[in-house]
Amino acid sequence: MTSLPEDSDSTGPVPKPDADEAEKIVCAHCGTTATGPRPTWTCSVENGTRRYFCDDCARSNLRAIEGRLDSAWW
């Protein structure tokens, strides 16, 4: 069973990234960096890691994303 950060068996508070770190979102496929407010990019969790894909990369690989293939297969 997965515990939430506020559960009693938690080892402490979950650290929050600072403002600069929270704003840096990079496309996991092409390396484009998002600027400004949080983009509406595609987000995928692969092997427990959250990965973001820009609009262009998401459109180019839509069938693979819908087929739930990891980005390594694209």
PDB file of N, CA and C in Angstrom:
ATOM      1  N   MET A   1       0.843  -1.167   0.000  1.00  0.00           N
ATOM      2  CA  MET A   1       0.000   0.000   0.000  1.00  0.00           C
ATOM      3  C   MET A   1       0.895   1.239   0.000  1.00  0.00           C
ATOM      4  N   THR A   2       0.509   2.256  -0.702  1.00  0.00           N
ATOM      5  CA  THR A   2       1.268   3.493  -0.773  1.00  0.00           C
ATOM      6  C   THR A   2       0.806   4.457   0.302  1.00  0.00           C
ATOM      7  N   SER A   3       1.743   5.089   0.978  1.00  0.00           N
ATOM      8  CA  SER A   3       1.415   6.049   2.027  1.00  0.00           C
ATOM      9  C   SER A   3       1.472   7.459   1.473  1.00  0.00           C
ATOM     10  N   LEU A   4       0.577   8.279   1.926  1.00  0.00           N
ATOM     11  CA  LEU A   4       0.590   9.684   1.564  1.00  0.00           C
ATOM     12  C   LEU A   4       1.577  10.408   2.466  1.00  0.00           C
ATOM     13  N   PRO A   5       2.154  11.542   2.001  1.00  0.00           N
ATOM     14  CA  PRO A   5       3.144  12.245   2.814  1.00  0.00           C
ATOM     15  C   PRO A   5       2.648  12.625   4.204  1.00  0.00           C
ATOM     16  N   GLU A   6       1.353  12.869   4.376  1.00  0.00           N
ATOM     17  CA  GLU A   6       0.857  13.283   5.677  1.00  0.00           C
ATOM     18  C   GLU A   6       0.486  12.107   6.576  1.00  0.00           C
ATOM     19  N   ASP A   7       0.673  10.860   6.115  1.00  0.00           N
ATOM     20  CA  ASP A   7       0.363   9.694   6.942  1.00  0.00           C
ATOM     21  C   ASP A   7       1.324   9.607   8.125  1.00  0.00           C
ATOM     22  N   SER A   8       0.913   8.921   9.173  1.00  0.00           N
ATOM     23  CA  SER A   8       1.686   8.834  10.404  1.00  0.00           C
ATOM     24  C   SER A   8       2.993   8.077  10.233  1.00  0.00           C
ATOM     25  N   ASP A   9       3.093   7.165   9.247  1.00  0.00           N
ATOM     26  CA  ASP A   9       4.331   6.415   9.077  1.00  0.00           C
ATOM     27  C   ASP A   9       5.330   7.138   8.182  1.00  0.00           C
ATOM     28  N   SER A  10       5.028   8.351   7.815  1.00  0.00           N
ATOM     29  CA  SER A  10       5.920   9.150   6.988  1.00  0.00           C
ATOM     30  C   SER A  10       7.149   9.559   7.787  1.00  0.00           C
ATOM     31  N   THR A  11       8.288   9.693   7.111  1.00  0.00           N
ATOM     32  CA  THR A  11       9.531  10.046   7.791  1.00  0.00           C
ATOM     33  C   THR A  11       9.673  11.543   7.998  1.00  0.00           C
ATOM     34  N   GLY A  12       8.765  12.329   7.506  1.00  0.00           N
ATOM     35  CA  GLY A  12       8.824  13.778   7.678  1.00  0.00           C
ATOM     36  C   GLY A  12       8.148  14.473   6.516  1.00  0.00           C
ATOM     37  N   PRO A  13       8.182  15.793   6.532  1.00  0.00           N
ATOM     38  CA  PRO A  13       7.530  16.529   5.452  1.00  0.00           C
ATOM     39  C   PRO A  13       8.252  16.333   4.126  1.00  0.00           C
ATOM     40  N   VAL A  14       7.491  16.357   3.055  1.00  0.00           N
ATOM     41  CA  VAL A  14       8.054  16.229   1.720  1.00  0.00           C
ATOM     42  C   VAL A  14       8.624  17.583   1.321  1.00  0.00           C
ATOM     43  N   PRO A  15       9.909  17.635   0.928  1.00  0.00           N
ATOM     44  CA  PRO A  15      10.484  18.929   0.563  1.00  0.00           C
ATOM     45  C   PRO A  15       9.854  19.464  -0.713  1.00  0.00           C
ATOM     46  N   LYS A  16       9.610  20.764  -0.727  1.00  0.00           N
ATOM     47  CA  LYS A  16       9.036  21.403  -1.900  1.00  0.00           C
ATOM     48  C   LYS A  16      10.148  22.098  -2.670  1.00  0.00           C
ATOM     49  N   PRO A  17      10.143  21.976  -4.007  1.00  0.00           N
ATOM     50  CA  PRO A  17      11.176  22.656  -4.782  1.00  0.00           C
ATOM     51  C   PRO A  17      11.009  24.162  -4.676  1.00  0.00           C
ATOM     52  N   ASP A  18      12.132  24.882  -4.793  1.00  0.00           N
ATOM     53  CA  ASP A  18      12.023  26.339  -4.751  1.00  0.00           C
ATOM     54  C   ASP A  18      11.361  26.849  -6.024  1.00  0.00           C
ATOM     55  N   ALA A  19      11.022  28.114  -6.083  1.00  0.00           N
ATOM     56  CA  ALA A  19      10.249  28.690  -7.191  1.00  0.00           C
ATOM     57  C   ALA A  19      10.963  28.529  -8.524  1.00  0.00           C
ATOM     58  N   ASP A  20      12.292  28.715  -8.568  1.00  0.00           N
ATOM     59  CA  ASP A  20      13.023  28.587  -9.833  1.00  0.00           C
ATOM     60  C   ASP A  20      13.016  27.157 -10.341  1.00  0.00           C
ATOM     61  N   GLU A  21      13.198  26.199  -9.425  1.00  0.00           N
ATOM     62  CA  GLU A  21      13.217  24.795  -9.810  1.00  0.00           C
ATOM     63  C   GLU A  21      11.846  24.327 -10.274  1.00  0.00           C
ATOM     64  N   ALA A  22      10.787  24.816  -9.663  1.00  0.00           N
ATOM     65  CA  ALA A  22       9.433  24.402 -10.005  1.00  0.00           C
ATOM     66  C   ALA A  22       9.041  24.877 -11.401  1.00  0.00           C
ATOM     67  N   GLU A  23       9.607  25.966 -11.875  1.00  0.00           N
ATOM     68  CA  GLU A  23       9.236  26.529 -13.170  1.00  0.00           C
ATOM     69  C   GLU A  23       9.987  25.893 -14.336  1.00  0.00           C
ATOM     70  N   LYS A  24      11.094  25.199 -14.083  1.00  0.00           N
ATOM     71  CA  LYS A  24      11.889  24.629 -15.165  1.00  0.00           C
ATOM     72  C   LYS A  24      11.343  23.270 -15.579  1.00  0.00           C
ATOM     73  N   ILE A  25      10.571  23.256 -16.627  1.00  0.00           N
ATOM     74  CA  ILE A  25      10.041  22.008 -17.165  1.00  0.00           C
ATOM     75  C   ILE A  25      10.656  21.819 -18.540  1.00  0.00           C
ATOM     76  N   VAL A  26      11.268  20.651 -18.750  1.00  0.00           N
ATOM     77  CA  VAL A  26      11.988  20.367 -19.985  1.00  0.00           C
ATOM     78  C   VAL A  26      11.354  19.165 -20.666  1.00  0.00           C
ATOM     79  N   CYS A  27      11.175  19.259 -21.990  1.00  0.00           N
ATOM     80  CA  CYS A  27      10.633  18.143 -22.760  1.00  0.00           C
ATOM     81  C   CYS A  27      11.618  16.980 -22.704  1.00  0.00           C
ATOM     82  N   ALA A  28      11.145  15.807 -22.307  1.00  0.00           N
ATOM     83  CA  ALA A  28      11.991  14.627 -22.173  1.00  0.00           C
ATOM     84  C   ALA A  28      12.411  14.062 -23.524  1.00  0.00           C
ATOM     85  N   HIS A  29      11.783  14.521 -24.606  1.00  0.00           N
ATOM     86  CA  HIS A  29      12.099  13.985 -25.928  1.00  0.00           C
ATOM     87  C   HIS A  29      13.043  14.896 -26.709  1.00  0.00           C
ATOM     88  N   CYS A  30      12.739  16.194 -26.776  1.00  0.00           N
ATOM     89  CA  CYS A  30      13.549  17.109 -27.598  1.00  0.00           C
ATOM     90  C   CYS A  30      14.381  18.098 -26.794  1.00  0.00           C
ATOM     91  N   GLY A  31      14.097  18.236 -25.489  1.00  0.00           N
ATOM     92  CA  GLY A  31      14.883  19.123 -24.646  1.00  0.00           C
ATOM     93  C   GLY A  31      14.410  20.559 -24.599  1.00  0.00           C
ATOM     94  N   THR A  32      13.277  20.884 -25.229  1.00  0.00           N
ATOM     95  CA  THR A  32      12.740  22.231 -25.180  1.00  0.00           C
ATOM     96  C   THR A  32      12.406  22.593 -23.740  1.00  0.00           C
ATOM     97  N   THR A  33      12.769  23.811 -23.330  1.00  0.00           N
ATOM     98  CA  THR A  33      12.476  24.276 -21.978  1.00  0.00           C
ATOM     99  C   THR A  33      11.245  25.160 -22.004  1.00  0.00           C
ATOM    100  N   ALA A  34      10.313  24.883 -21.099  1.00  0.00           N
ATOM    101  CA  ALA A  34       9.098  25.694 -20.998  1.00  0.00           C
ATOM    102  C   ALA A  34       9.440  27.006 -20.303  1.00  0.00           C
ATOM    103  N   THR A  35       8.834  28.076 -20.783  1.00  0.00           N
ATOM    104  CA  THR A  35       9.015  29.379 -20.155  1.00  0.00           C
ATOM    105  C   THR A  35       7.661  29.913 -19.736  1.00  0.00           C
ATOM    106  N   GLY A  36       7.676  30.816 -18.789  1.00  0.00           N
ATOM    107  CA  GLY A  36       6.425  31.420 -18.333  1.00  0.00           C
ATOM    108  C   GLY A  36       5.671  30.503 -17.398  1.00  0.00           C
ATOM    109  N   PRO A  37       4.349  30.635 -17.385  1.00  0.00           N
ATOM    110  CA  PRO A  37       3.536  29.807 -16.479  1.00  0.00           C
ATOM    111  C   PRO A  37       3.600  28.335 -16.876  1.00  0.00           C
ATOM    112  N   ARG A  38       3.190  27.485 -15.970  1.00  0.00           N
ATOM    113  CA  ARG A  38       3.227  26.033 -16.202  1.00  0.00           C
ATOM    114  C   ARG A  38       2.510  25.690 -17.507  1.00  0.00           C
ATOM    115  N   PRO A  39       3.199  25.005 -18.431  1.00  0.00           N
ATOM    116  CA  PRO A  39       2.585  24.683 -19.735  1.00  0.00           C
ATOM    117  C   PRO A  39       1.565  23.552 -19.627  1.00  0.00           C
ATOM    118  N   THR A  40       0.786  23.385 -20.656  1.00  0.00           N
ATOM    119  CA  THR A  40      -0.193  22.296 -20.718  1.00  0.00           C
ATOM    120  C   THR A  40       0.383  21.158 -21.555  1.00  0.00           C
ATOM    121  N   TRP A  41       1.576  20.734 -21.210  1.00  0.00           N
ATOM    122  CA  TRP A  41       2.242  19.654 -21.916  1.00  0.00           C
ATOM    123  C   TRP A  41       1.708  18.308 -21.448  1.00  0.00           C
ATOM    124  N   THR A  42       2.036  17.267 -22.206  1.00  0.00           N
ATOM    125  CA  THR A  42       1.678  15.906 -21.846  1.00  0.00           C
ATOM    126  C   THR A  42       2.626  15.420 -20.757  1.00  0.00           C
ATOM    127  N   CYS A  43       2.078  14.768 -19.757  1.00  0.00           N
ATOM    128  CA  CYS A  43       2.878  14.243 -18.655  1.00  0.00           C
ATOM    129  C   CYS A  43       2.721  12.723 -18.622  1.00  0.00           C
ATOM    130  N   SER A  44       3.834  12.039 -18.458  1.00  0.00           N
ATOM    131  CA  SER A  44       3.827  10.586 -18.394  1.00  0.00           C
ATOM    132  C   SER A  44       4.682  10.146 -17.210  1.00  0.00           C
ATOM    133  N   VAL A  45       4.271   9.092 -16.521  1.00  0.00           N
ATOM    134  CA  VAL A  45       5.083   8.523 -15.455  1.00  0.00           C
ATOM    135  C   VAL A  45       5.635   7.205 -15.971  1.00  0.00           C
ATOM    136  N   GLU A  46       6.959   7.163 -16.117  1.00  0.00           N
ATOM    137  CA  GLU A  46       7.644   5.980 -16.629  1.00  0.00           C
ATOM    138  C   GLU A  46       8.652   5.513 -15.597  1.00  0.00           C
ATOM    139  N   ASN A  47       8.514   4.279 -15.155  1.00  0.00           N
ATOM    140  CA  ASN A  47       9.402   3.706 -14.133  1.00  0.00           C
ATOM    141  C   ASN A  47       9.485   4.597 -12.896  1.00  0.00           C
ATOM    142  N   GLY A  48       8.357   5.168 -12.508  1.00  0.00           N
ATOM    143  CA  GLY A  48       8.291   5.989 -11.312  1.00  0.00           C
ATOM    144  C   GLY A  48       8.792   7.410 -11.480  1.00  0.00           C
ATOM    145  N   THR A  49       9.171   7.799 -12.682  1.00  0.00           N
ATOM    146  CA  THR A  49       9.683   9.143 -12.941  1.00  0.00           C
ATOM    147  C   THR A  49       8.699   9.908 -13.808  1.00  0.00           C
ATOM    148  N   ARG A  50       8.382  11.126 -13.395  1.00  0.00           N
ATOM    149  CA  ARG A  50       7.471  11.975 -14.168  1.00  0.00           C
ATOM    150  C   ARG A  50       8.233  12.601 -15.326  1.00  0.00           C
ATOM    151  N   ARG A  51       7.699  12.463 -16.546  1.00  0.00           N
ATOM    152  CA  ARG A  51       8.336  13.013 -17.746  1.00  0.00           C
ATOM    153  C   ARG A  51       7.322  13.875 -18.479  1.00  0.00           C
ATOM    154  N   TYR A  52       7.779  15.023 -18.946  1.00  0.00           N
ATOM    155  CA  TYR A  52       6.919  15.943 -19.681  1.00  0.00           C
ATOM    156  C   TYR A  52       7.327  15.953 -21.146  1.00  0.00           C
ATOM    157  N   PHE A  53       6.328  16.112 -22.029  1.00  0.00           N
ATOM    158  CA  PHE A  53       6.573  16.180 -23.459  1.00  0.00           C
ATOM    159  C   PHE A  53       5.876  17.405 -24.026  1.00  0.00           C
ATOM    160  N   CYS A  54       6.619  18.208 -24.808  1.00  0.00           N
ATOM    161  CA  CYS A  54       6.060  19.428 -25.389  1.00  0.00           C
ATOM    162  C   CYS A  54       4.947  19.076 -26.381  1.00  0.00           C
ATOM    163  N   ASP A  55       4.202  20.073 -26.785  1.00  0.00           N
ATOM    164  CA  ASP A  55       3.071  19.852 -27.696  1.00  0.00           C
ATOM    165  C   ASP A  55       3.512  19.206 -29.003  1.00  0.00           C
ATOM    166  N   ASP A  56       4.639  19.667 -29.578  1.00  0.00           N
ATOM    167  CA  ASP A  56       5.100  19.120 -30.856  1.00  0.00           C
ATOM    168  C   ASP A  56       5.473  17.638 -30.746  1.00  0.00           C
ATOM    169  N   CYS A  57       6.208  17.281 -29.708  1.00  0.00           N
ATOM    170  CA  CYS A  57       6.608  15.883 -29.524  1.00  0.00           C
ATOM    171  C   CYS A  57       5.394  15.006 -29.208  1.00  0.00           C
ATOM    172  N   ALA A  58       4.468  15.529 -28.420  1.00  0.00           N
ATOM    173  CA  ALA A  58       3.263  14.763 -28.094  1.00  0.00           C
ATOM    174  C   ALA A  58       2.437  14.497 -29.351  1.00  0.00           C
ATOM    175  N   ARG A  59       2.289  15.515 -30.204  1.00  0.00           N
ATOM    176  CA  ARG A  59       1.528  15.329 -31.453  1.00  0.00           C
ATOM    177  C   ARG A  59       2.215  14.331 -32.370  1.00  0.00           C
ATOM    178  N   SER A  60       3.539  14.398 -32.456  1.00  0.00           N
ATOM    179  CA  SER A  60       4.289  13.505 -33.344  1.00  0.00           C
ATOM    180  C   SER A  60       4.215  12.049 -32.906  1.00  0.00           C
ATOM    181  N   ASN A  61       4.021  11.814 -31.623  1.00  0.00           N
ATOM    182  CA  ASN A  61       4.040  10.460 -31.083  1.00  0.00           C
ATOM    183  C   ASN A  61       2.721  10.069 -30.431  1.00  0.00           C
ATOM    184  N   LEU A  62       1.635  10.643 -30.900  1.00  0.00           N
ATOM    185  CA  LEU A  62       0.333  10.436 -30.286  1.00  0.00           C
ATOM    186  C   LEU A  62      -0.073   8.965 -30.217  1.00  0.00           C
ATOM    187  N   ARG A  63       0.138   8.221 -31.286  1.00  0.00           N
ATOM    188  CA  ARG A  63      -0.266   6.805 -31.280  1.00  0.00           C
ATOM    189  C   ARG A  63       0.508   5.996 -30.256  1.00  0.00           C
ATOM    190  N   ALA A  64       1.808   6.274 -30.125  1.00  0.00           N
ATOM    191  CA  ALA A  64       2.625   5.569 -29.133  1.00  0.00           C
ATOM    192  C   ALA A  64       2.185   5.938 -27.719  1.00  0.00           C
ATOM    193  N   ILE A  65       1.848   7.213 -27.502  1.00  0.00           N
ATOM    194  CA  ILE A  65       1.396   7.651 -26.180  1.00  0.00           C
ATOM    195  C   ILE A  65       0.066   6.990 -25.840  1.00  0.00           C
ATOM    196  N   GLU A  66      -0.868   6.987 -26.780  1.00  0.00           N
ATOM    197  CA  GLU A  66      -2.162   6.355 -26.524  1.00  0.00           C
ATOM    198  C   GLU A  66      -2.026   4.846 -26.332  1.00  0.00           C
ATOM    199  N   GLY A  67      -1.032   4.238 -26.983  1.00  0.00           N
ATOM    200  CA  GLY A  67      -0.768   2.809 -26.816  1.00  0.00           C
ATOM    201  C   GLY A  67       0.012   2.510 -25.544  1.00  0.00           C
ATOM    202  N   ARG A  68       0.296   3.556 -24.757  1.00  0.00           N
ATOM    203  CA  ARG A  68       1.014   3.452 -23.485  1.00  0.00           C
ATOM    204  C   ARG A  68       2.406   2.861 -23.635  1.00  0.00           C
ATOM    205  N   LEU A  69       3.065   3.162 -24.745  1.00  0.00           N
ATOM    206  CA  LEU A  69       4.442   2.740 -24.926  1.00  0.00           C
ATOM    207  C   LEU A  69       5.351   3.734 -24.225  1.00  0.00           C
ATOM    208  N   ASP A  70       6.358   3.260 -23.513  1.00  0.00           N
ATOM    209  CA  ASP A  70       7.337   4.153 -22.905  1.00  0.00           C
ATOM    210  C   ASP A  70       8.038   4.945 -23.999  1.00  0.00           C
ATOM    211  N   SER A  71       8.506   6.137 -23.661  1.00  0.00           N
ATOM    212  CA  SER A  71       9.134   6.996 -24.658  1.00  0.00           C
ATOM    213  C   SER A  71      10.384   6.384 -25.262  1.00  0.00           C
ATOM    214  N   ALA A  72      10.979   5.426 -24.608  1.00  0.00           N
ATOM    215  CA  ALA A  72      12.153   4.742 -25.172  1.00  0.00           C
ATOM    216  C   ALA A  72      11.805   4.022 -26.476  1.00  0.00           C
ATOM    217  N   TRP A  73      10.533   3.648 -26.663  1.00  0.00           N
ATOM    218  CA  TRP A  73      10.106   2.962 -27.873  1.00  0.00           C
ATOM    219  C   TRP A  73       9.856   3.889 -29.045  1.00  0.00           C
ATOM    220  N   TRP A  74       9.710   5.195 -28.790  1.00  0.00           N
ATOM    221  CA  TRP A  74       9.429   6.107 -29.891  1.00  0.00           C
ATOM    222  C   TRP A  74      10.666   6.331 -30.698  1.00  0.00           C
TER     223      TRP A  74
END
